[in-house]
Each structure stands twice: as structure tokens, then as C-alpha cells.
Amino acid sequence: MQDEYIYEMNTPVYQYNASAVEQRLVKTLKKRRREATVADLVAETGLPSFQVEEQLKRIVNDYQGHLKVTESGEILYHFPDGMRNQVRGAIPKARRVLKKVASVAGRILKTAFKVWTMVMLVGYFVVFVLLIVLAVVASMAAQAKGGGNGGGGRGRMGGFGSFYLTTRLMQMSMYLWLYSGGRPDRRGNKPKERPLHQSVFAFIFGDGDPAGEWDERERRAFIAYLRASKGVSTVEDLMQLTGRSYNDSQRLLNRLSLEFDGEPDVTDEGTLMYRFDQVLRSSDRLDQPPSRGTEFHRELKPLIPFNTNKPGLNRWIGFFNGFNLLFGTYFTAFALAFPAISEEGIGAFFILVASLFAQITTNPVGVVFWVMGVIPLVFSGFFFLIPAVRRARERRANRERARENVRKRVINAVLAHPGEVDPEMIQISGTPGVSAEEARSLLHEIVREYAAERGADVEEKRPASGANPAAYVYRFGDVEREQQDISTVRARRNVADHDIGDVVFDSGSD
């Protein structure tokens, strides 16, 4: 489940959801056995330092925390009484109760909306099928009254076929209702599927983004990388973790410097780097050897699926809604055309339904227009329109994700061997959302783009021959020099200089 909204990249760091930040910090403190530094909480949550520091003040007060001071002067936040809000009084208690009530009410309303959507879909389908059955029965009765051998026999056979078809539709609607499109086994056991209303809701609105917490994971991975790399990062390091372009990574690194107290610096050789000394001030040991990064740099960003329903279930949901859309359109059009419609042909069905409503209302055509026409027509139209618009947006997002996934592999290859990069040797198979041919085309485009940004030297490996384009090898001399320079800087830095040391003062001790 995704965390509640906290802040967005394009908003100032000081504009955030304080309640959501507090909940995440409390949850993290529980995992860390109720003791951590600001740097520990930043690393665990990926939240900006400013937000952590501000909310810790309130948490220390509300949860009766103790402050420990270490030898280096770092503050260690400790909660000996557990992570339970200790604030007493009618008003704070009422606020907590109201918050829980609002949360429960929100879940109830969401479930009610899902059920209502499902009832509209299946309910109208069942009503329309029942009306068809009624029309078939009425037709068979009329033909029986007319008698006759040849025509009557064929009429009865046609009526029987129509009746069989409608009963099959009714049967499938019951399967969809009870089993979300699945049939019971020989023992009559119900398939273990999620409730139908959730499947219908997923058809319209999707099942959410599987990468919904990706930004948070990127931040945690970046901090883990910093801790493994002695608090030093370059733009290329961030490109390797995120797959963003050089310019986008530069902008993100500026933002992360603001969030995590980073400082830009220049080495003696003129390499731009960023120092994040504060993230090293941890109660955990950071004596592991430096590394290229965390395993996150190998992970590919998942694409957004249409939903997680089975394809067969999606087809049945689409069929049911299309059925409702067809009949909603029929009743709307014929109600507008009334009384000019003929009682013969397809107009006879409208006359039959209107005569039924005449038994309960003095304005049957008007009721049919709204209840059997406009309402299912509008509902079914939005039922198809919303997922269509959603999917168009998701496809654009998926194309960008595929590009980032390919770029991540390219940057990994460049940083591994910047002196000689052969695009034909970079493995990009299995990139989600694109074919092997599309991924290869993206690969060459991204390599050329990055080579232009970093002024790489290009050497022809193989000239063009017939339908085969020319092949090139790229030499990223500036990247290689910068990587060597940053490695020297890291080798000189001592993580122990940022060790917080032992506790020398505890506000909770006697």
C-alpha cells in the first residue's frame, strides 16, 4: 500500500503533510527499536532532513522521547516508553478518534462506490436481458395464438433459440457476479478470486502504479549509496541509480542537496561533486567498503498495467458494459423519436417496454428515456471513456519509463568501462514495455545523446554495408577522468571522522 501524500518534487521542502511525515517517522522508529539519529531516519524514510527535524520535535514531546548526546555532539533520539502517543486530554483524544473515524468512513465510502459501480454494470445487464426474455416469451405467445404449421413452427424454433441465448447470457452474468468470471470446480468450490466490485473498479481506474513508491525508493537507495561511498556523489552516480537524463539528474541532485544538506564542491582536478556529510552521522556502523552503488541501480522501473484482472474477466466486463451501452443508446434514441416509431421490427421492443412502465407511471416514455436510456448510456460511456483516457496517459508514462530503463543500463555500462563503450555489447534484453528492436534503437539514441552531452570521442568500428548501419565505439575520456578523481577523493575521506561516538549524556537518566 502506498504511503499517504507527503510532498512533491515541484513543491518547496517546507510544504508537506505533517501528519503523514509523523506517521512514517513513528513507524520507522518502531523498526529501529525506538532509537535513531536524524541521519538514520532520513536514510530509512527518504524524507528531507528539514521535515524529519521539524516533526521530531513534536514526536519527542508527544511520545515522551529522551535525548542522548554522543561524543561528537550528535543527538540520538530515544523513546524508552514505546511509540505510543502519551498526550492526554479530551481534545487530543477526540482528534485521534476523529482521525480513525474519518479513515474508516473513507474506506466504507470507497467500498460503497465500488459496489455501486458493479451493481450498475451487472444490474442493468440483468434488467436488459430480462426484458429480452420477456419480449421473446411475448413473441412466442403471439405466434402460438396465430397457429399455423410452417411459419408457426419456424417461429417457435426461432423463439426457442432466442430464449436459449438469453438464458445463457443470464447464466454468464451470474458467474461474473459470483465468481468474477471463474467457474466453480467439480466439488462446487468457489475460485479464490478477489471480489467482483474490485475487479470492476480496477477495469475503470486500474490497480494503481506498481512504481508508486519508486521516488521514495530512489531516495533511500541514493542515501544508501552515499553511505557506501563516503558521502560523495556525482551527477553520473545519480544517473546510474535513476536512469534520468544528465540535465534531469543535475536538477534532481540540486533538489537532493537541499533535502539532505548536501554541499557542492570542486576537486583539485576540477571535478564537480557533492558532499553529504550529514547522512554519515549515524548510530549504525558505516565501515563497509565503498561500492559503485546499491543493487537498486540494476532494478528496472515497472510499467503500469491496464489492471491485474485476468484477460478473460476484462473481456466479459467490457462485453457487459458494451451491451448496456448498446441498449442505453437504443432506448434513448427511440424515446426521442417517439411517437414516430413503428410498432413493427425493432421498434416493437421499445413499445413493449414502454407498455410495461405504463403500469406504474403516467409518463412511461419519459421514464424509459431517463431510467433505461440516459442513465445507462452515460454510465456506460464514462465506463469506457475513463479507462481509455487513463490508458493513453499510462502509455506515455510507460514509454518514458522504458527510456529510463534503457538509459540506466547504458550509464551502468559507461561507468563500468568509460574508456571504451561499444553499444552492441550492452545487454538490454528484457526491457519492459519495448521490443528488442525498439530497445536497441533507444540504446543507440541514448548513447549518442550522452556522448554529445559529455563530449565523448567517437570511433567508427564498422562502416555501413547495405541495410546494416555503421557501428561506432565511444570513448568517454572526461567521465573516466572524473571517476578516477572521485575515487581518489573517496579514498582520502575517513568515515570515522563522522562517527557519532558513545553517549555522554542522556536526558532520561537520573
Protein backbone atom coordinates (compact mmCIF):
# COMPACT_ATOMS: atom_id res chain seq x y z
CA MET A 1 0.00 0.00 0.00
CA GLN A 2 1.34 3.43 -0.88
CA ASP A 3 2.02 5.95 1.84
CA GLU A 4 -0.19 8.98 2.19
CA TYR A 5 0.84 12.04 0.21
CA ILE A 6 3.76 13.86 1.84
CA TYR A 7 5.26 16.21 -0.71
CA GLU A 8 6.03 16.53 -4.40
CA MET A 9 9.21 17.28 -6.27
CA ASN A 10 7.93 20.59 -7.60
CA THR A 11 6.86 21.92 -4.19
CA PRO A 12 9.09 23.60 -1.60
CA VAL A 13 10.61 21.28 1.01
CA TYR A 14 8.80 23.13 3.80
CA GLN A 15 5.37 22.41 2.27
CA TYR A 16 4.42 18.90 3.28
CA ASN A 17 1.83 16.76 5.04
CA ALA A 18 2.98 16.92 8.66
CA SER A 19 0.68 14.11 9.81
CA ALA A 20 1.93 11.72 7.12
CA VAL A 21 5.57 12.54 7.91
CA GLU A 22 4.93 11.93 11.62
CA GLN A 23 3.30 8.55 10.90
CA ARG A 24 6.21 7.43 8.77
CA LEU A 25 8.78 8.52 11.35
CA VAL A 26 6.93 6.74 14.14
CA LYS A 27 6.76 3.58 12.05
CA THR A 28 10.48 3.82 11.30
CA LEU A 29 11.38 4.39 14.95
CA LYS A 30 9.47 1.24 15.86
CA LYS A 31 11.52 -0.74 13.35
CA ARG A 32 14.74 0.73 14.73
CA ARG A 33 13.86 -0.21 18.30
CA ARG A 34 12.91 3.35 19.19
CA GLU A 35 16.36 4.93 18.76
CA ALA A 36 17.89 6.84 15.86
CA THR A 37 19.70 9.96 14.70
CA VAL A 38 18.25 12.38 12.19
CA ALA A 39 20.53 10.84 9.55
CA ASP A 40 19.19 7.36 10.35
CA LEU A 41 15.61 8.49 9.89
CA VAL A 42 16.45 10.32 6.68
CA ALA A 43 18.13 7.21 5.32
CA GLU A 44 15.26 4.90 6.31
CA THR A 45 12.43 7.10 5.05
CA GLY A 46 13.96 9.09 2.21
CA LEU A 47 12.34 12.21 3.71
CA PRO A 48 14.12 15.59 3.56
CA SER A 49 16.19 16.50 6.63
CA PHE A 50 14.11 19.61 7.27
CA GLN A 51 10.88 17.63 7.53
CA VAL A 52 12.46 14.99 9.78
CA GLU A 53 13.94 17.58 12.13
CA GLU A 54 10.72 19.58 12.34
CA GLN A 55 8.47 16.62 13.07
CA LEU A 56 10.91 15.04 15.52
CA LYS A 57 10.35 17.99 17.84
CA ARG A 58 6.65 17.13 18.06
CA ILE A 59 7.26 13.38 18.27
CA VAL A 60 9.70 13.83 21.18
CA ASN A 61 7.05 15.80 23.03
CA ASP A 62 4.03 13.62 22.20
CA TYR A 63 5.82 10.28 22.70
CA GLN A 64 7.92 11.39 25.69
CA GLY A 65 11.24 10.82 23.99
CA HIS A 66 14.67 11.19 25.58
CA LEU A 67 17.64 12.93 24.02
CA LYS A 68 21.06 11.36 24.16
CA VAL A 69 24.17 13.32 23.26
CA THR A 70 27.13 11.43 21.80
CA GLU A 71 30.82 12.27 21.98
CA SER A 72 30.69 14.06 18.64
CA GLY A 73 27.78 16.23 19.80
CA GLU A 74 25.23 14.33 17.71
CA ILE A 75 21.73 13.95 19.17
CA LEU A 76 20.37 10.41 19.46
CA TYR A 77 16.58 10.28 19.85
CA HIS A 78 15.40 7.55 22.22
CA PHE A 79 11.86 6.51 23.21
CA PRO A 80 12.03 4.19 26.23
CA ASP A 81 8.25 4.10 26.80
CA GLY A 82 7.43 2.83 23.33
CA MET A 83 5.95 4.54 20.28
CA ARG A 84 2.56 5.38 21.76
CA ASN A 85 1.24 8.90 21.85
CA GLN A 86 1.36 9.97 25.50
CA VAL A 87 -0.59 13.21 25.12
CA ARG A 88 -3.67 13.14 27.34
CA GLY A 89 -6.79 15.26 27.42
CA ALA A 90 -10.19 15.39 25.80
CA ILE A 91 -9.18 17.40 22.73
CA PRO A 92 -6.15 15.28 21.67
CA LYS A 93 -8.14 12.11 22.29
CA ALA A 94 -11.07 13.44 20.27
CA ARG A 95 -8.70 14.29 17.41
CA ARG A 96 -7.29 10.77 17.36
CA VAL A 97 -10.79 9.27 17.45
CA LEU A 98 -12.00 11.54 14.65
CA LYS A 99 -8.97 10.63 12.58
CA LYS A 100 -9.73 6.93 12.95
CA VAL A 101 -13.42 7.51 12.20
CA ALA A 102 -12.54 9.51 9.08
CA SER A 103 -10.21 6.74 7.93
CA VAL A 104 -12.88 4.06 8.42
CA ALA A 105 -15.53 6.24 6.77
CA GLY A 106 -13.26 6.79 3.79
CA ARG A 107 -12.77 3.06 3.34
CA ILE A 108 -16.52 2.45 3.65
CA LEU A 109 -17.35 5.11 1.05
CA LYS A 110 -14.73 3.75 -1.31
CA THR A 111 -16.11 0.24 -0.97
CA ALA A 112 -19.67 1.54 -1.41
CA PHE A 113 -18.66 3.31 -4.61
CA LYS A 114 -17.08 0.10 -5.94
CA VAL A 115 -20.22 -1.89 -5.11
CA TRP A 116 -22.45 0.76 -6.71
CA THR A 117 -20.35 0.65 -9.89
CA MET A 118 -20.62 -3.13 -10.00
CA VAL A 119 -24.37 -3.05 -9.36
CA MET A 120 -24.87 -0.55 -12.18
CA LEU A 121 -22.89 -2.72 -14.57
CA VAL A 122 -24.37 -6.11 -13.74
CA GLY A 123 -27.77 -4.80 -12.64
CA TYR A 124 -28.54 -3.04 -15.90
CA PHE A 125 -27.27 -6.01 -17.86
CA VAL A 126 -29.61 -8.33 -15.98
CA VAL A 127 -32.55 -5.94 -16.46
CA PHE A 128 -31.92 -5.66 -20.20
CA VAL A 129 -31.62 -9.45 -20.55
CA LEU A 130 -34.85 -9.97 -18.59
CA LEU A 131 -36.61 -7.55 -20.93
CA ILE A 132 -35.30 -9.54 -23.90
CA VAL A 133 -36.58 -12.75 -22.32
CA LEU A 134 -39.95 -11.11 -21.77
CA ALA A 135 -40.04 -9.93 -25.37
CA VAL A 136 -39.17 -13.42 -26.62
CA VAL A 137 -41.87 -15.01 -24.47
CA ALA A 138 -44.42 -12.45 -25.69
CA SER A 139 -43.39 -13.15 -29.29
CA MET A 140 -43.73 -16.90 -28.79
CA ALA A 141 -47.17 -16.42 -27.22
CA ALA A 142 -48.29 -14.26 -30.14
CA GLN A 143 -47.04 -16.83 -32.65
CA ALA A 144 -48.81 -19.63 -30.77
CA LYS A 145 -52.06 -17.70 -30.98
CA GLY A 146 -51.60 -17.25 -34.71
CA GLY A 147 -51.26 -21.04 -35.15
CA GLY A 148 -50.18 -22.49 -38.49
CA ASN A 149 -47.80 -25.28 -39.30
CA GLY A 150 -44.93 -23.99 -41.41
CA GLY A 151 -44.44 -20.41 -40.29
CA GLY A 152 -45.52 -21.12 -36.73
CA GLY A 153 -43.05 -23.98 -36.38
CA ARG A 154 -40.19 -21.85 -37.58
CA GLY A 155 -41.32 -19.08 -35.25
CA ARG A 156 -41.34 -21.39 -32.29
CA MET A 157 -37.87 -22.67 -33.18
CA GLY A 158 -36.58 -19.10 -33.56
CA GLY A 159 -38.18 -18.15 -30.26
CA PHE A 160 -36.62 -21.14 -28.56
CA GLY A 161 -33.18 -20.21 -29.94
CA SER A 162 -33.54 -16.63 -28.70
CA PHE A 163 -34.74 -17.86 -25.33
CA TYR A 164 -31.73 -20.19 -25.06
CA LEU A 165 -29.38 -17.34 -25.93
CA THR A 166 -30.82 -15.04 -23.28
CA THR A 167 -30.71 -17.74 -20.63
CA ARG A 168 -27.02 -18.33 -21.45
CA LEU A 169 -26.38 -14.61 -21.06
CA MET A 170 -28.14 -14.70 -17.70
CA GLN A 171 -26.03 -17.68 -16.66
CA MET A 172 -22.79 -15.93 -17.58
CA SER A 173 -23.87 -12.81 -15.69
CA MET A 174 -24.39 -14.92 -12.59
CA TYR A 175 -20.94 -16.46 -13.00
CA LEU A 176 -19.46 -12.98 -13.34
CA TRP A 177 -21.34 -11.80 -10.28
CA LEU A 178 -20.47 -14.74 -8.06
CA TYR A 179 -17.10 -15.84 -9.32
CA SER A 180 -15.61 -12.80 -11.11
CA GLY A 181 -15.66 -14.74 -14.39
CA GLY A 182 -14.43 -18.05 -12.96
CA ARG A 183 -16.42 -21.26 -12.69
CA PRO A 184 -16.60 -23.47 -9.60
CA ASP A 185 -14.69 -26.73 -9.69
CA ARG A 186 -16.25 -30.21 -9.71
CA ARG A 187 -16.75 -30.05 -5.97
CA GLY A 188 -18.52 -26.73 -6.24
CA ASN A 189 -15.74 -24.80 -4.54
CA LYS A 190 -15.68 -21.10 -5.30
CA PRO A 191 -12.48 -19.90 -7.03
CA LYS A 192 -10.24 -17.78 -4.83
CA GLU A 193 -10.66 -14.55 -6.76
CA ARG A 194 -10.93 -11.01 -5.47
CA PRO A 195 -14.47 -9.61 -5.13
CA LEU A 196 -16.19 -8.62 -8.34
CA HIS A 197 -16.64 -4.99 -7.34
CA GLN A 198 -12.86 -4.66 -7.00
CA SER A 199 -12.33 -6.21 -10.44
CA VAL A 200 -14.86 -3.84 -11.99
CA PHE A 201 -13.29 -0.87 -10.21
CA ALA A 202 -9.86 -1.98 -11.45
CA PHE A 203 -11.20 -2.10 -15.03
CA ILE A 204 -12.16 1.57 -14.79
CA PHE A 205 -9.44 3.07 -12.60
CA GLY A 206 -6.67 0.48 -12.72
CA ASP A 207 -4.90 -1.16 -9.80
CA GLY A 208 -2.52 1.66 -9.10
CA ASP A 209 1.05 2.21 -10.12
CA PRO A 210 3.40 -0.66 -9.16
CA ALA A 211 6.11 2.02 -9.01
CA GLY A 212 4.04 4.26 -6.75
CA GLU A 213 6.79 4.35 -4.12
CA TRP A 214 9.63 4.50 -6.66
CA ASP A 215 10.69 8.07 -5.80
CA GLU A 216 10.94 7.15 -2.14
CA ARG A 217 12.94 4.03 -3.00
CA GLU A 218 15.25 6.10 -5.19
CA ARG A 219 15.93 8.43 -2.29
CA ARG A 220 16.64 5.59 0.11
CA ALA A 221 18.89 3.96 -2.49
CA PHE A 222 20.71 7.25 -3.03
CA ILE A 223 21.37 7.65 0.68
CA ALA A 224 22.49 4.02 0.93
CA TYR A 225 24.85 4.72 -1.96
CA LEU A 226 26.17 7.82 -0.20
CA ARG A 227 26.84 5.86 2.97
CA ALA A 228 28.69 3.22 0.98
CA SER A 229 30.61 5.88 -0.97
CA LYS A 230 31.71 8.06 1.96
CA GLY A 231 29.09 10.73 1.36
CA VAL A 232 30.30 11.77 -2.11
CA SER A 233 28.24 11.74 -5.30
CA THR A 234 28.38 12.99 -8.88
CA VAL A 235 25.67 13.55 -11.45
CA GLU A 236 26.65 10.29 -13.17
CA ASP A 237 26.15 8.37 -9.93
CA LEU A 238 22.57 9.63 -9.76
CA MET A 239 22.02 8.83 -13.44
CA GLN A 240 23.13 5.29 -12.72
CA LEU A 241 20.58 4.94 -9.92
CA THR A 242 17.61 6.63 -11.59
CA GLY A 243 18.04 6.35 -15.36
CA ARG A 244 17.28 10.05 -15.75
CA SER A 245 18.96 12.20 -18.36
CA TYR A 246 22.04 14.26 -17.47
CA ASN A 247 20.09 17.52 -17.15
CA ASP A 248 17.25 15.90 -15.16
CA SER A 249 19.77 14.22 -12.85
CA GLN A 250 21.53 17.54 -12.29
CA ARG A 251 18.23 19.15 -11.30
CA LEU A 252 17.38 16.21 -9.03
CA LEU A 253 20.81 16.33 -7.38
CA ASN A 254 20.29 20.03 -6.64
CA ARG A 255 16.98 19.15 -5.02
CA LEU A 256 18.52 16.30 -3.00
CA SER A 257 21.26 18.65 -1.83
CA LEU A 258 18.55 20.86 -0.40
CA GLU A 259 16.68 17.95 1.18
CA PHE A 260 19.70 16.15 2.69
CA ASP A 261 22.07 19.05 3.47
CA GLY A 262 24.42 18.38 0.59
CA GLU A 263 27.15 20.79 -0.45
CA PRO A 264 28.58 21.20 -3.96
CA ASP A 265 32.35 21.09 -4.13
CA VAL A 266 35.12 21.01 -6.71
CA THR A 267 38.15 18.73 -6.53
CA ASP A 268 41.68 19.90 -7.21
CA GLU A 269 41.31 18.44 -10.70
CA GLY A 270 38.18 20.48 -11.38
CA THR A 271 35.58 17.72 -10.96
CA LEU A 272 32.19 18.81 -9.67
CA MET A 273 30.99 16.66 -6.79
CA TYR A 274 28.50 16.86 -3.93
CA ARG A 275 29.34 16.11 -0.30
CA PHE A 276 26.60 14.80 2.00
CA ASP A 277 28.37 14.66 5.36
CA GLN A 278 25.19 14.72 7.44
CA VAL A 279 23.91 11.37 6.14
CA LEU A 280 27.05 9.73 7.56
CA ARG A 281 26.23 10.75 11.13
CA SER A 282 24.51 7.51 12.00
CA SER A 283 24.17 5.27 15.03
CA ASP A 284 24.85 2.36 12.66
CA ARG A 285 28.35 1.32 11.64
CA LEU A 286 29.37 2.58 8.23
CA ASP A 287 32.66 0.77 7.89
CA GLN A 288 31.69 -1.28 4.83
CA PRO A 289 33.96 -0.73 1.81
CA PRO A 290 32.92 1.79 -0.85
CA SER A 291 30.96 0.38 -3.75
CA ARG A 292 29.60 1.52 -7.09
CA GLY A 293 26.12 1.73 -5.61
CA THR A 294 23.32 -0.31 -4.22
CA GLU A 295 21.56 -3.08 -6.12
CA PHE A 296 18.89 -0.55 -6.95
CA HIS A 297 20.94 0.59 -9.94
CA ARG A 298 20.17 -2.79 -11.53
CA GLU A 299 16.40 -2.60 -10.97
CA LEU A 300 14.16 -1.58 -13.84
CA LYS A 301 11.14 0.59 -13.24
CA PRO A 302 7.97 -1.48 -13.69
CA LEU A 303 5.41 -0.41 -16.25
CA ILE A 304 1.82 0.44 -15.39
CA PRO A 305 -0.54 -2.41 -16.41
CA PHE A 306 -4.10 -1.81 -17.54
CA ASN A 307 -5.09 -3.77 -14.43
CA THR A 308 -4.32 -7.10 -12.80
CA ASN A 309 -7.59 -8.79 -13.79
CA LYS A 310 -7.44 -11.91 -15.92
CA PRO A 311 -7.82 -11.07 -19.63
CA GLY A 312 -10.98 -13.17 -19.83
CA LEU A 313 -12.56 -11.25 -16.98
CA ASN A 314 -11.71 -7.92 -18.63
CA ARG A 315 -13.35 -9.14 -21.84
CA TRP A 316 -16.53 -10.09 -20.01
CA ILE A 317 -16.65 -6.77 -18.16
CA GLY A 318 -16.17 -4.98 -21.47
CA PHE A 319 -18.88 -7.11 -23.10
CA PHE A 320 -21.37 -6.40 -20.31
CA ASN A 321 -20.74 -2.67 -20.46
CA GLY A 322 -20.89 -2.67 -24.25
CA PHE A 323 -24.22 -4.49 -24.01
CA ASN A 324 -25.52 -1.81 -21.63
CA LEU A 325 -24.16 0.96 -23.85
CA LEU A 326 -25.96 -0.50 -26.86
CA PHE A 327 -29.31 -0.77 -25.09
CA GLY A 328 -28.92 2.62 -23.38
CA THR A 329 -28.37 4.15 -26.81
CA TYR A 330 -31.36 2.24 -28.20
CA PHE A 331 -33.80 3.42 -25.53
CA THR A 332 -32.52 7.00 -25.64
CA ALA A 333 -32.86 7.23 -29.43
CA PHE A 334 -36.29 5.59 -29.59
CA ALA A 335 -37.65 7.67 -26.71
CA LEU A 336 -36.57 10.84 -28.53
CA ALA A 337 -38.19 9.55 -31.74
CA PHE A 338 -41.47 8.59 -30.04
CA PRO A 339 -44.30 8.55 -31.18
CA ALA A 340 -42.99 8.37 -34.75
CA ILE A 341 -41.55 4.88 -34.26
CA SER A 342 -43.20 1.87 -35.86
CA GLU A 343 -44.67 -0.99 -33.89
CA GLU A 344 -43.04 -3.38 -36.33
CA GLY A 345 -39.42 -4.50 -36.32
CA ILE A 346 -37.05 -3.29 -33.61
CA GLY A 347 -39.50 -0.59 -32.56
CA ALA A 348 -41.79 -3.29 -31.15
CA PHE A 349 -39.33 -3.91 -28.30
CA PHE A 350 -39.49 -0.25 -27.22
CA ILE A 351 -43.31 -0.31 -27.35
CA LEU A 352 -43.33 -3.42 -25.15
CA VAL A 353 -41.04 -1.84 -22.52
CA ALA A 354 -42.99 1.42 -22.56
CA SER A 355 -46.24 -0.51 -22.05
CA LEU A 356 -44.70 -2.20 -19.00
CA PHE A 357 -43.74 1.14 -17.48
CA ALA A 358 -47.23 2.41 -18.24
CA GLN A 359 -48.45 0.10 -15.49
CA ILE A 360 -46.55 2.12 -12.85
CA THR A 361 -46.29 5.68 -14.22
CA THR A 362 -48.32 8.13 -16.26
CA ASN A 363 -45.28 9.14 -18.30
CA PRO A 364 -43.80 5.81 -19.43
CA VAL A 365 -41.80 7.24 -22.36
CA GLY A 366 -40.15 9.83 -20.14
CA VAL A 367 -39.26 7.21 -17.52
CA VAL A 368 -37.88 4.87 -20.18
CA PHE A 369 -35.86 7.77 -21.62
CA TRP A 370 -34.12 8.50 -18.31
CA VAL A 371 -34.07 5.16 -16.48
CA MET A 372 -33.49 2.80 -19.41
CA GLY A 373 -31.78 5.22 -21.76
CA VAL A 374 -29.83 8.21 -20.47
CA ILE A 375 -28.59 6.75 -17.16
CA PRO A 376 -27.10 3.51 -18.57
CA LEU A 377 -25.90 5.38 -21.67
CA VAL A 378 -23.98 7.99 -19.66
CA PHE A 379 -22.72 5.44 -17.15
CA SER A 380 -21.53 3.05 -19.84
CA GLY A 381 -19.97 5.88 -21.82
CA PHE A 382 -17.87 7.01 -18.85
CA PHE A 383 -17.19 3.35 -18.02
CA PHE A 384 -15.30 3.12 -21.32
CA LEU A 385 -14.06 6.72 -21.52
CA ILE A 386 -12.26 6.82 -18.16
CA PRO A 387 -10.05 3.76 -18.76
CA ALA A 388 -9.40 4.91 -22.35
CA VAL A 389 -8.08 8.29 -21.18
CA ARG A 390 -6.22 6.64 -18.29
CA ARG A 391 -4.57 4.14 -20.60
CA ALA A 392 -3.46 6.84 -23.03
CA ARG A 393 -1.70 8.65 -20.17
CA GLU A 394 -0.22 5.39 -18.89
CA ARG A 395 1.18 4.56 -22.31
CA ARG A 396 3.02 7.88 -22.39
CA ALA A 397 4.38 7.25 -18.90
CA ASN A 398 5.40 3.70 -19.88
CA ARG A 399 7.30 4.97 -22.92
CA GLU A 400 9.28 7.33 -20.71
CA ARG A 401 9.92 4.53 -18.21
CA ALA A 402 11.20 2.28 -20.98
CA ARG A 403 13.57 5.06 -21.98
CA GLU A 404 14.80 5.46 -18.39
CA ASN A 405 15.30 1.70 -18.06
CA VAL A 406 17.43 1.61 -21.20
CA ARG A 407 19.36 4.70 -20.08
CA LYS A 408 20.06 3.10 -16.71
CA ARG A 409 21.70 0.14 -18.48
CA VAL A 410 23.65 2.47 -20.73
CA ILE A 411 25.03 4.53 -17.83
CA ASN A 412 25.94 1.36 -15.95
CA ALA A 413 27.94 0.23 -19.00
CA VAL A 414 29.58 3.63 -19.43
CA LEU A 415 30.65 3.89 -15.78
CA ALA A 416 31.95 0.32 -15.83
CA HIS A 417 34.27 0.96 -18.82
CA PRO A 418 34.17 4.66 -19.81
CA GLY A 419 37.33 4.33 -21.91
CA GLU A 420 35.61 2.13 -24.49
CA VAL A 421 31.84 1.81 -24.83
CA ASP A 422 30.53 -0.43 -27.58
CA PRO A 423 26.70 -0.12 -27.83
CA GLU A 424 26.50 -3.54 -29.46
CA MET A 425 27.92 -5.11 -26.30
CA ILE A 426 25.42 -3.51 -23.89
CA GLN A 427 22.81 -6.02 -22.75
CA ILE A 428 19.29 -4.57 -22.88
CA SER A 429 17.23 -7.72 -23.39
CA GLY A 430 14.14 -8.00 -21.25
CA THR A 431 13.49 -4.25 -21.05
CA PRO A 432 9.80 -3.94 -20.07
CA GLY A 433 7.43 -2.31 -22.49
CA VAL A 434 9.55 -2.34 -25.65
CA SER A 435 10.51 -4.95 -28.21
CA ALA A 436 14.14 -5.96 -28.70
CA GLU A 437 14.29 -3.85 -31.86
CA GLU A 438 12.81 -0.79 -30.12
CA ALA A 439 15.15 -1.22 -27.15
CA ARG A 440 18.17 -1.42 -29.46
CA SER A 441 17.06 1.75 -31.26
CA LEU A 442 16.61 3.53 -27.92
CA LEU A 443 20.04 2.32 -26.85
CA HIS A 444 21.84 3.91 -29.81
CA GLU A 445 19.82 7.11 -29.43
CA ILE A 446 20.68 7.43 -25.73
CA VAL A 447 24.38 6.65 -26.27
CA ARG A 448 24.60 9.35 -28.95
CA GLU A 449 22.74 11.80 -26.73
CA TYR A 450 25.01 11.16 -23.73
CA ALA A 451 28.14 11.24 -25.89
CA ALA A 452 27.13 14.69 -27.16
CA GLU A 453 26.49 15.92 -23.59
CA ARG A 454 29.86 14.72 -22.32
CA GLY A 455 31.95 15.39 -25.41
CA ALA A 456 32.89 11.74 -25.98
CA ASP A 457 35.23 10.74 -28.81
CA VAL A 458 33.59 8.61 -31.49
CA GLU A 459 35.46 6.00 -33.49
CA GLU A 460 34.00 4.01 -36.37
CA LYS A 461 34.03 0.32 -35.61
CA ARG A 462 32.42 -0.94 -38.81
CA PRO A 463 31.32 1.01 -41.91
CA ALA A 464 27.79 0.82 -43.23
CA SER A 465 27.12 -2.11 -45.52
CA GLY A 466 23.87 -2.47 -47.41
CA ALA A 467 20.96 -2.36 -44.97
CA ASN A 468 23.32 -2.56 -41.96
CA PRO A 469 24.19 0.85 -40.49
CA ALA A 470 27.68 1.81 -39.42
CA ALA A 471 28.82 0.83 -35.90
CA TYR A 472 30.78 3.06 -33.54
CA VAL A 473 32.77 2.88 -30.31
CA TYR A 474 32.58 5.76 -27.84
CA ARG A 475 35.35 6.93 -25.52
CA PHE A 476 34.16 8.99 -22.57
CA GLY A 477 37.51 10.49 -21.57
CA ASP A 478 36.07 13.18 -19.28
CA VAL A 479 33.87 10.66 -17.46
CA GLU A 480 36.83 8.32 -16.97
CA ARG A 481 38.99 11.13 -15.58
CA GLU A 482 36.22 12.31 -13.25
CA GLN A 483 35.59 8.79 -11.96
CA GLN A 484 39.29 8.36 -11.18
CA ASP A 485 39.35 11.76 -9.50
CA ILE A 486 36.30 10.96 -7.34
CA SER A 487 37.80 7.58 -6.39
CA THR A 488 40.90 9.42 -5.11
CA VAL A 489 38.71 11.81 -3.09
CA ARG A 490 36.80 8.93 -1.53
CA ALA A 491 39.99 7.09 -0.67
CA ARG A 492 41.18 10.12 1.29
CA ARG A 493 37.93 10.53 3.23
CA ASN A 494 37.63 8.75 6.56
CA VAL A 495 34.15 7.65 7.61
CA ALA A 496 35.32 7.54 11.22
CA ASP A 497 35.54 11.34 11.14
CA HIS A 498 31.73 11.35 11.09
CA ASP A 499 31.27 8.70 13.79
CA ILE A 500 28.90 9.99 16.45
CA GLY A 501 30.80 8.24 19.25
CA ASP A 502 29.47 6.95 22.56
CA VAL A 503 26.62 8.53 24.52
CA VAL A 504 27.88 11.09 27.07
CA PHE A 505 24.50 12.49 28.17
CA ASP A 506 21.01 11.04 28.44
CA SER A 507 18.08 13.34 29.28
CA GLY A 508 16.22 10.35 30.70
CA SER A 509 18.90 9.29 33.19
CA ASP A 510 18.83 10.34 36.82
